[in-house]
Every structure is written in structure tokens, then in C-alpha cells.
N, C-alpha and C. Protein backbone atom coordinates (compact mmCIF):
# COMPACT_ATOMS: atom_id res chain seq x y z
N MET A 1 -70.81 294.48 -1.94
CA MET A 1 -71.26 295.83 -2.22
C MET A 1 -70.86 296.71 -1.04
N SER A 2 -70.32 297.86 -1.36
CA SER A 2 -69.87 298.75 -0.30
C SER A 2 -71.05 299.38 0.42
N ALA A 3 -70.79 299.84 1.63
CA ALA A 3 -71.83 300.47 2.44
C ALA A 3 -72.37 301.71 1.73
N MET A 4 -71.51 302.45 1.04
CA MET A 4 -71.94 303.66 0.33
C MET A 4 -72.91 303.32 -0.79
N LYS A 5 -72.63 302.23 -1.53
CA LYS A 5 -73.52 301.82 -2.60
C LYS A 5 -74.87 301.37 -2.05
N ARG A 6 -74.85 300.65 -0.92
CA ARG A 6 -76.11 300.21 -0.31
C ARG A 6 -76.95 301.39 0.12
N VAL A 7 -76.32 302.40 0.71
CA VAL A 7 -77.03 303.61 1.13
C VAL A 7 -77.61 304.31 -0.09
N ALA A 8 -76.82 304.43 -1.16
CA ALA A 8 -77.29 305.09 -2.37
C ALA A 8 -78.46 304.34 -2.98
N LEU A 9 -78.40 303.00 -3.03
CA LEU A 9 -79.50 302.21 -3.56
C LEU A 9 -80.75 302.34 -2.69
N SER A 10 -80.57 302.38 -1.39
CA SER A 10 -81.71 302.55 -0.47
C SER A 10 -82.38 303.90 -0.69
N ILE A 11 -81.57 304.94 -0.84
CA ILE A 11 -82.13 306.28 -1.07
C ILE A 11 -82.86 306.32 -2.41
N LEU A 12 -82.28 305.71 -3.44
CA LEU A 12 -82.91 305.68 -4.75
C LEU A 12 -84.25 304.95 -4.68
N PHE A 13 -84.28 303.80 -3.97
CA PHE A 13 -85.54 303.07 -3.83
C PHE A 13 -86.58 303.91 -3.10
N LEU A 14 -86.19 304.53 -2.01
CA LEU A 14 -87.14 305.36 -1.26
C LEU A 14 -87.68 306.49 -2.12
N LEU A 15 -86.82 307.12 -2.92
CA LEU A 15 -87.30 308.17 -3.81
C LEU A 15 -88.29 307.61 -4.82
N THR A 16 -88.01 306.41 -5.33
CA THR A 16 -88.93 305.79 -6.27
C THR A 16 -90.23 305.43 -5.57
N LEU A 17 -90.13 304.88 -4.36
CA LEU A 17 -91.31 304.46 -3.62
C LEU A 17 -92.22 305.63 -3.29
N VAL A 18 -91.66 306.74 -2.89
CA VAL A 18 -92.50 307.88 -2.53
C VAL A 18 -92.86 308.74 -3.74
N GLY A 19 -92.41 308.32 -4.93
CA GLY A 19 -92.85 308.97 -6.14
C GLY A 19 -92.10 310.22 -6.53
N VAL A 20 -91.03 310.58 -5.84
CA VAL A 20 -90.30 311.78 -6.18
C VAL A 20 -89.68 311.64 -7.57
N SER A 21 -89.02 310.52 -7.83
CA SER A 21 -88.36 310.36 -9.12
C SER A 21 -89.37 310.07 -10.23
N ALA A 22 -90.53 309.54 -9.92
CA ALA A 22 -91.52 309.21 -10.94
C ALA A 22 -92.49 310.37 -11.19
N GLY A 23 -92.42 311.42 -10.39
CA GLY A 23 -93.31 312.55 -10.58
C GLY A 23 -94.72 312.30 -10.07
N GLU A 24 -94.93 311.27 -9.29
CA GLU A 24 -96.26 310.98 -8.75
C GLU A 24 -96.61 312.03 -7.71
N ASP A 25 -97.89 312.42 -7.68
CA ASP A 25 -98.29 313.37 -6.65
C ASP A 25 -99.27 312.77 -5.66
N LYS A 26 -99.94 311.69 -6.03
CA LYS A 26 -100.86 311.05 -5.09
C LYS A 26 -100.11 309.99 -4.30
N GLN A 27 -100.21 310.11 -2.98
CA GLN A 27 -99.52 309.17 -2.11
C GLN A 27 -100.48 308.65 -1.05
N ALA A 28 -100.19 307.46 -0.57
CA ALA A 28 -101.06 306.81 0.40
C ALA A 28 -100.30 306.49 1.69
N SER A 29 -101.07 306.34 2.75
CA SER A 29 -100.56 305.84 4.02
C SER A 29 -101.04 304.41 4.15
N LEU A 30 -100.11 303.49 4.31
CA LEU A 30 -100.47 302.08 4.44
C LEU A 30 -100.30 301.63 5.87
N ARG A 31 -101.26 300.85 6.33
CA ARG A 31 -101.22 300.24 7.65
C ARG A 31 -101.35 298.73 7.44
N PHE A 32 -100.46 297.99 8.05
CA PHE A 32 -100.48 296.53 7.94
C PHE A 32 -100.80 295.92 9.29
N LEU A 33 -101.61 294.87 9.27
CA LEU A 33 -101.89 294.08 10.45
C LEU A 33 -101.61 292.63 10.07
N VAL A 34 -100.68 291.99 10.78
CA VAL A 34 -100.29 290.62 10.48
C VAL A 34 -100.71 289.74 11.66
N VAL A 35 -101.58 288.76 11.36
CA VAL A 35 -102.12 287.88 12.40
C VAL A 35 -101.99 286.43 11.98
N ARG A 36 -102.14 285.54 12.97
CA ARG A 36 -102.14 284.10 12.70
C ARG A 36 -103.50 283.72 12.12
N ASP A 37 -103.49 282.92 11.07
CA ASP A 37 -104.72 282.51 10.40
C ASP A 37 -105.63 281.69 11.32
N TYR A 38 -105.05 280.84 12.15
CA TYR A 38 -105.83 279.88 12.92
C TYR A 38 -106.41 280.44 14.22
N ASN A 39 -105.89 281.59 14.74
CA ASN A 39 -106.47 282.11 15.98
C ASN A 39 -106.57 283.63 16.03
N GLY A 40 -106.11 284.32 14.99
CA GLY A 40 -106.24 285.77 14.93
C GLY A 40 -105.29 286.56 15.81
N LYS A 41 -104.36 285.88 16.48
CA LYS A 41 -103.40 286.59 17.34
C LYS A 41 -102.32 287.26 16.49
N PRO A 42 -101.81 288.41 16.95
CA PRO A 42 -100.81 289.14 16.16
C PRO A 42 -99.49 288.39 16.04
N VAL A 43 -98.79 288.65 14.93
CA VAL A 43 -97.47 288.06 14.68
C VAL A 43 -96.45 289.18 14.86
N ARG A 44 -95.63 289.06 15.88
CA ARG A 44 -94.60 290.04 16.19
C ARG A 44 -93.37 289.82 15.32
N ASN A 45 -92.72 290.91 14.94
CA ASN A 45 -91.45 290.89 14.23
C ASN A 45 -91.52 290.22 12.85
N ALA A 46 -92.69 290.25 12.22
CA ALA A 46 -92.80 289.73 10.85
C ALA A 46 -92.21 290.77 9.90
N GLY A 47 -91.56 290.32 8.86
CA GLY A 47 -91.02 291.22 7.86
C GLY A 47 -92.07 291.49 6.79
N VAL A 48 -92.42 292.77 6.61
CA VAL A 48 -93.36 293.19 5.57
C VAL A 48 -92.52 293.89 4.51
N VAL A 49 -92.40 293.27 3.34
CA VAL A 49 -91.55 293.79 2.28
C VAL A 49 -92.44 294.36 1.17
N MET A 50 -92.15 295.61 0.77
CA MET A 50 -92.92 296.28 -0.28
C MET A 50 -92.04 296.48 -1.50
N HIS A 51 -92.57 296.11 -2.66
CA HIS A 51 -91.87 296.29 -3.94
C HIS A 51 -92.81 297.00 -4.90
N PRO A 52 -92.42 298.13 -5.47
CA PRO A 52 -93.23 298.72 -6.53
C PRO A 52 -93.28 297.77 -7.73
N VAL A 53 -94.40 297.77 -8.43
CA VAL A 53 -94.57 296.91 -9.61
C VAL A 53 -94.73 297.81 -10.81
N GLN A 54 -93.95 297.54 -11.85
CA GLN A 54 -94.00 298.34 -13.07
C GLN A 54 -95.29 298.05 -13.84
N THR A 55 -95.62 298.89 -14.80
CA THR A 55 -96.85 298.71 -15.57
C THR A 55 -96.87 297.40 -16.35
N ASN A 56 -95.69 296.85 -16.66
CA ASN A 56 -95.64 295.57 -17.37
C ASN A 56 -95.76 294.38 -16.43
N GLY A 57 -95.97 294.63 -15.14
CA GLY A 57 -96.15 293.56 -14.15
C GLY A 57 -94.89 293.08 -13.50
N LYS A 58 -93.75 293.59 -13.93
CA LYS A 58 -92.48 293.17 -13.34
C LYS A 58 -92.20 293.96 -12.08
N GLN A 59 -91.62 293.29 -11.12
CA GLN A 59 -91.26 293.91 -9.85
C GLN A 59 -90.05 294.81 -10.05
N SER A 60 -90.11 296.02 -9.50
CA SER A 60 -88.98 296.93 -9.58
C SER A 60 -87.86 296.43 -8.67
N ARG A 61 -86.65 296.84 -8.99
CA ARG A 61 -85.51 296.44 -8.16
C ARG A 61 -85.60 297.11 -6.80
N GLY A 62 -85.00 296.48 -5.84
CA GLY A 62 -85.00 297.03 -4.49
C GLY A 62 -86.27 296.66 -3.75
N GLY A 63 -86.39 297.18 -2.59
CA GLY A 63 -87.56 296.91 -1.75
C GLY A 63 -87.37 297.58 -0.41
N LEU A 64 -88.45 297.72 0.29
CA LEU A 64 -88.40 298.33 1.61
C LEU A 64 -89.04 297.36 2.59
N GLU A 65 -88.34 297.05 3.67
CA GLU A 65 -88.85 296.10 4.66
C GLU A 65 -89.21 296.82 5.95
N LEU A 66 -90.40 296.51 6.43
CA LEU A 66 -90.87 296.99 7.73
C LEU A 66 -90.94 295.79 8.66
N LYS A 67 -90.91 296.02 9.95
CA LYS A 67 -91.08 294.95 10.94
C LYS A 67 -92.33 295.26 11.76
N THR A 68 -93.12 294.22 12.03
CA THR A 68 -94.32 294.42 12.84
C THR A 68 -93.94 294.56 14.31
N ASP A 69 -94.77 295.30 15.03
CA ASP A 69 -94.56 295.48 16.46
C ASP A 69 -95.24 294.34 17.23
N ALA A 70 -95.32 294.47 18.54
CA ALA A 70 -95.90 293.42 19.39
C ALA A 70 -97.38 293.19 19.07
N ASP A 71 -98.04 294.18 18.50
CA ASP A 71 -99.46 294.06 18.14
C ASP A 71 -99.65 293.59 16.70
N GLY A 72 -98.55 293.21 16.02
CA GLY A 72 -98.63 292.75 14.64
C GLY A 72 -98.84 293.87 13.64
N LYS A 73 -98.53 295.11 14.03
CA LYS A 73 -98.80 296.27 13.17
C LYS A 73 -97.51 296.89 12.64
N ALA A 74 -97.60 297.41 11.43
CA ALA A 74 -96.52 298.17 10.79
C ALA A 74 -97.20 299.19 9.88
N SER A 75 -96.52 300.30 9.62
CA SER A 75 -97.11 301.32 8.75
C SER A 75 -96.03 302.05 7.98
N PHE A 76 -96.47 302.66 6.87
CA PHE A 76 -95.57 303.47 6.06
C PHE A 76 -96.38 304.52 5.34
N ASP A 77 -95.93 305.77 5.40
CA ASP A 77 -96.59 306.88 4.73
C ASP A 77 -95.81 307.27 3.48
N GLY A 78 -96.52 307.73 2.46
CA GLY A 78 -95.86 308.23 1.26
C GLY A 78 -95.70 307.21 0.16
N VAL A 79 -96.57 306.21 0.10
CA VAL A 79 -96.51 305.20 -0.96
C VAL A 79 -97.28 305.75 -2.16
N PRO A 80 -96.64 305.80 -3.34
CA PRO A 80 -97.34 306.33 -4.51
C PRO A 80 -98.47 305.40 -4.97
N TYR A 81 -99.50 306.00 -5.55
CA TYR A 81 -100.59 305.23 -6.12
C TYR A 81 -100.03 304.32 -7.21
N GLY A 82 -100.64 303.16 -7.36
CA GLY A 82 -100.20 302.20 -8.37
C GLY A 82 -100.12 300.82 -7.75
N LYS A 83 -99.55 299.89 -8.49
CA LYS A 83 -99.45 298.51 -8.02
C LYS A 83 -98.26 298.34 -7.08
N LEU A 84 -98.51 297.62 -5.98
CA LEU A 84 -97.48 297.37 -4.98
C LEU A 84 -97.50 295.89 -4.62
N ARG A 85 -96.35 295.25 -4.69
CA ARG A 85 -96.23 293.84 -4.30
C ARG A 85 -95.83 293.79 -2.83
N VAL A 86 -96.61 293.05 -2.05
CA VAL A 86 -96.35 292.93 -0.61
C VAL A 86 -96.04 291.47 -0.30
N GLN A 87 -94.92 291.26 0.39
CA GLN A 87 -94.55 289.94 0.87
C GLN A 87 -94.40 290.03 2.38
N VAL A 88 -94.88 288.99 3.06
CA VAL A 88 -94.75 288.95 4.52
C VAL A 88 -94.05 287.64 4.89
N LEU A 89 -92.98 287.77 5.67
CA LEU A 89 -92.19 286.62 6.08
C LEU A 89 -92.10 286.61 7.60
N ALA A 90 -92.34 285.44 8.19
CA ALA A 90 -92.20 285.28 9.63
C ALA A 90 -91.81 283.84 9.91
N GLN A 91 -90.92 283.67 10.85
CA GLN A 91 -90.44 282.33 11.18
C GLN A 91 -91.60 281.48 11.67
N GLY A 92 -91.71 280.26 11.13
CA GLY A 92 -92.76 279.34 11.55
C GLY A 92 -94.06 279.49 10.77
N PHE A 93 -94.06 280.34 9.71
CA PHE A 93 -95.26 280.55 8.91
C PHE A 93 -94.92 280.48 7.43
N GLN A 94 -95.95 280.19 6.61
CA GLN A 94 -95.78 280.22 5.16
C GLN A 94 -95.55 281.66 4.74
N THR A 95 -94.73 281.85 3.72
CA THR A 95 -94.52 283.18 3.16
C THR A 95 -95.79 283.61 2.44
N TYR A 96 -96.17 284.86 2.66
CA TYR A 96 -97.36 285.43 2.04
C TYR A 96 -96.93 286.41 0.96
N GLY A 97 -97.64 286.45 -0.14
CA GLY A 97 -97.35 287.41 -1.19
C GLY A 97 -98.61 287.75 -1.97
N GLU A 98 -98.79 289.05 -2.25
CA GLU A 98 -99.94 289.50 -3.03
C GLU A 98 -99.66 290.89 -3.58
N ASP A 99 -100.25 291.18 -4.75
CA ASP A 99 -100.16 292.51 -5.32
C ASP A 99 -101.41 293.30 -4.94
N PHE A 100 -101.21 294.57 -4.60
CA PHE A 100 -102.31 295.45 -4.22
C PHE A 100 -102.31 296.68 -5.12
N GLU A 101 -103.48 297.15 -5.45
CA GLU A 101 -103.62 298.40 -6.19
C GLU A 101 -103.80 299.51 -5.16
N ILE A 102 -102.81 300.37 -5.05
CA ILE A 102 -102.87 301.47 -4.10
C ILE A 102 -103.61 302.62 -4.80
N ASP A 103 -104.82 302.90 -4.33
CA ASP A 103 -105.67 303.88 -5.01
C ASP A 103 -106.48 304.74 -4.06
N LYS A 104 -106.14 304.71 -2.78
CA LYS A 104 -106.83 305.53 -1.77
C LYS A 104 -105.78 306.19 -0.88
N PRO A 105 -106.12 307.33 -0.28
CA PRO A 105 -105.14 308.01 0.58
C PRO A 105 -104.73 307.19 1.80
N GLU A 106 -105.63 306.35 2.29
CA GLU A 106 -105.32 305.50 3.44
C GLU A 106 -105.82 304.10 3.17
N MET A 107 -104.96 303.13 3.40
CA MET A 107 -105.35 301.73 3.19
C MET A 107 -104.83 300.88 4.35
N GLU A 108 -105.68 299.95 4.77
CA GLU A 108 -105.27 298.99 5.79
C GLU A 108 -105.29 297.62 5.17
N ILE A 109 -104.19 296.91 5.32
CA ILE A 109 -104.04 295.58 4.74
C ILE A 109 -103.84 294.59 5.87
N THR A 110 -104.75 293.62 5.96
CA THR A 110 -104.65 292.57 6.97
C THR A 110 -104.14 291.31 6.30
N VAL A 111 -103.10 290.73 6.89
CA VAL A 111 -102.48 289.52 6.36
C VAL A 111 -102.65 288.42 7.40
N LYS A 112 -103.22 287.29 6.95
CA LYS A 112 -103.40 286.14 7.84
C LYS A 112 -102.38 285.08 7.43
N LEU A 113 -101.40 284.86 8.29
CA LEU A 113 -100.35 283.89 8.00
C LEU A 113 -100.77 282.49 8.40
N LYS A 114 -100.42 281.53 7.56
CA LYS A 114 -100.76 280.13 7.81
C LYS A 114 -99.54 279.36 8.27
N ARG A 115 -99.79 278.27 8.97
CA ARG A 115 -98.71 277.37 9.36
C ARG A 115 -98.18 276.66 8.11
N PRO A 116 -96.93 276.22 8.16
CA PRO A 116 -96.39 275.48 7.00
C PRO A 116 -97.18 274.20 6.76
N GLN A 117 -97.33 273.85 5.50
CA GLN A 117 -98.02 272.63 5.11
C GLN A 117 -96.98 271.56 4.80
N GLY A 118 -97.39 270.32 4.97
CA GLY A 118 -96.50 269.21 4.63
C GLY A 118 -96.30 269.14 3.13
N GLN A 119 -95.18 268.62 2.72
CA GLN A 119 -94.91 268.48 1.30
C GLN A 119 -95.49 267.18 0.78
N TYR A 120 -95.99 267.21 -0.42
CA TYR A 120 -96.56 266.03 -1.06
C TYR A 120 -95.44 265.24 -1.72
N SER A 121 -95.42 263.96 -1.49
CA SER A 121 -94.42 263.10 -2.11
C SER A 121 -95.12 261.95 -2.82
N ILE A 122 -94.66 261.65 -4.03
CA ILE A 122 -95.23 260.52 -4.76
C ILE A 122 -94.79 259.19 -4.15
N TYR A 123 -93.80 259.23 -3.28
CA TYR A 123 -93.28 258.01 -2.68
C TYR A 123 -94.03 257.62 -1.42
N ASP A 124 -94.84 258.53 -0.88
CA ASP A 124 -95.65 258.21 0.29
C ASP A 124 -96.96 257.57 -0.16
N GLU A 125 -97.55 256.78 0.73
CA GLU A 125 -98.86 256.21 0.43
C GLU A 125 -99.92 257.26 0.73
N HIS A 126 -100.90 257.34 -0.15
CA HIS A 126 -102.00 258.30 0.00
C HIS A 126 -103.31 257.54 -0.08
N PRO A 127 -103.74 256.94 1.04
CA PRO A 127 -104.94 256.10 1.01
C PRO A 127 -106.21 256.89 0.65
N GLU A 128 -106.20 258.21 0.85
CA GLU A 128 -107.38 259.00 0.53
C GLU A 128 -107.61 259.13 -0.97
N GLU A 129 -106.60 258.82 -1.75
CA GLU A 129 -106.73 258.88 -3.20
C GLU A 129 -107.21 257.53 -3.71
N LYS A 130 -108.20 257.57 -4.56
CA LYS A 130 -108.72 256.33 -5.13
C LYS A 130 -107.84 255.89 -6.28
N LYS A 131 -107.47 254.64 -6.25
CA LYS A 131 -106.67 254.11 -7.34
C LYS A 131 -107.61 253.50 -8.36
N GLU A 132 -107.37 253.84 -9.61
CA GLU A 132 -108.21 253.29 -10.67
C GLU A 132 -107.79 251.87 -10.98
N GLU A 133 -108.80 251.04 -11.16
CA GLU A 133 -108.56 249.65 -11.55
C GLU A 133 -108.28 249.62 -13.05
N PRO A 134 -107.32 248.83 -13.46
CA PRO A 134 -107.08 248.71 -14.90
C PRO A 134 -108.32 248.12 -15.58
N LYS A 135 -108.67 248.69 -16.73
CA LYS A 135 -109.84 248.21 -17.47
C LYS A 135 -109.45 246.95 -18.26
N LYS A 136 -110.41 246.03 -18.34
CA LYS A 136 -110.17 244.75 -19.03
C LYS A 136 -110.66 244.80 -20.44
């Protein structure tokens, strides 16, 4: 994709996000705080991705990514009221995702990121699971 097309798509998304193309007049200021689940310390340089969600529940094309600062904070003004899908990605943490109903002029969203969990394998032994004895 050419640089011109990327710029045009970014501008189109921003217009959609701030409600200019949709005719929305109510807009919100969002503040994000991203912290570690296990100790509450801020997560620097986490990617906070916002996607508008259509009335049918499908995610709109495009997205806007913010990066958290050293205090784990990021903000964006001019988000139209309605459903917004938020994803947070940071190296060394599980990806977070949730839909929010934007319905107030100012909203603060705190995200607690968890460490990655081990994968479950049927080939590993799981002594904590009780094995049923075959019935006679």
C-alpha cells in the first residue's frame, strides 16, 4: 500500500473516530492507565489500540494506536459516544481486549495486564486432575 493511501486511510479513520463523518456531536476524552496486574506498577510503551464498533457488533476497519508514557498513561480527546473496542498489547504480557460503552464526557479506563500463562497440553501429566476409575 502506498504512503498516500495509508495517510488517506488514517485520515478517514480519524474522521470516523471523532464523529465528523458519522454526524456525532457528543464526544468524550479518554484517559488510559496501564499497570501490571501483580504489583500495580505502570507499563511503559504499551500499545493501546482503539477500534469503533458498529451497531451490529462488528469492529470497524482501521484503528488508532496510542503508546503509554513512563507512568503507564495515554489519552485521546474527541472519541464519539458509542461502543469502542480497546486492545492493549505489551511485550511480556497477555493481550488485553474489551468493549466499552463511551457515554460520558470524560472516562478513565484502567487496564491490568497479566503475565503470560502456560499452555495446557493433553500430552503432559496433570496430577491435580482426578482420573475416573472405569466402572465394573
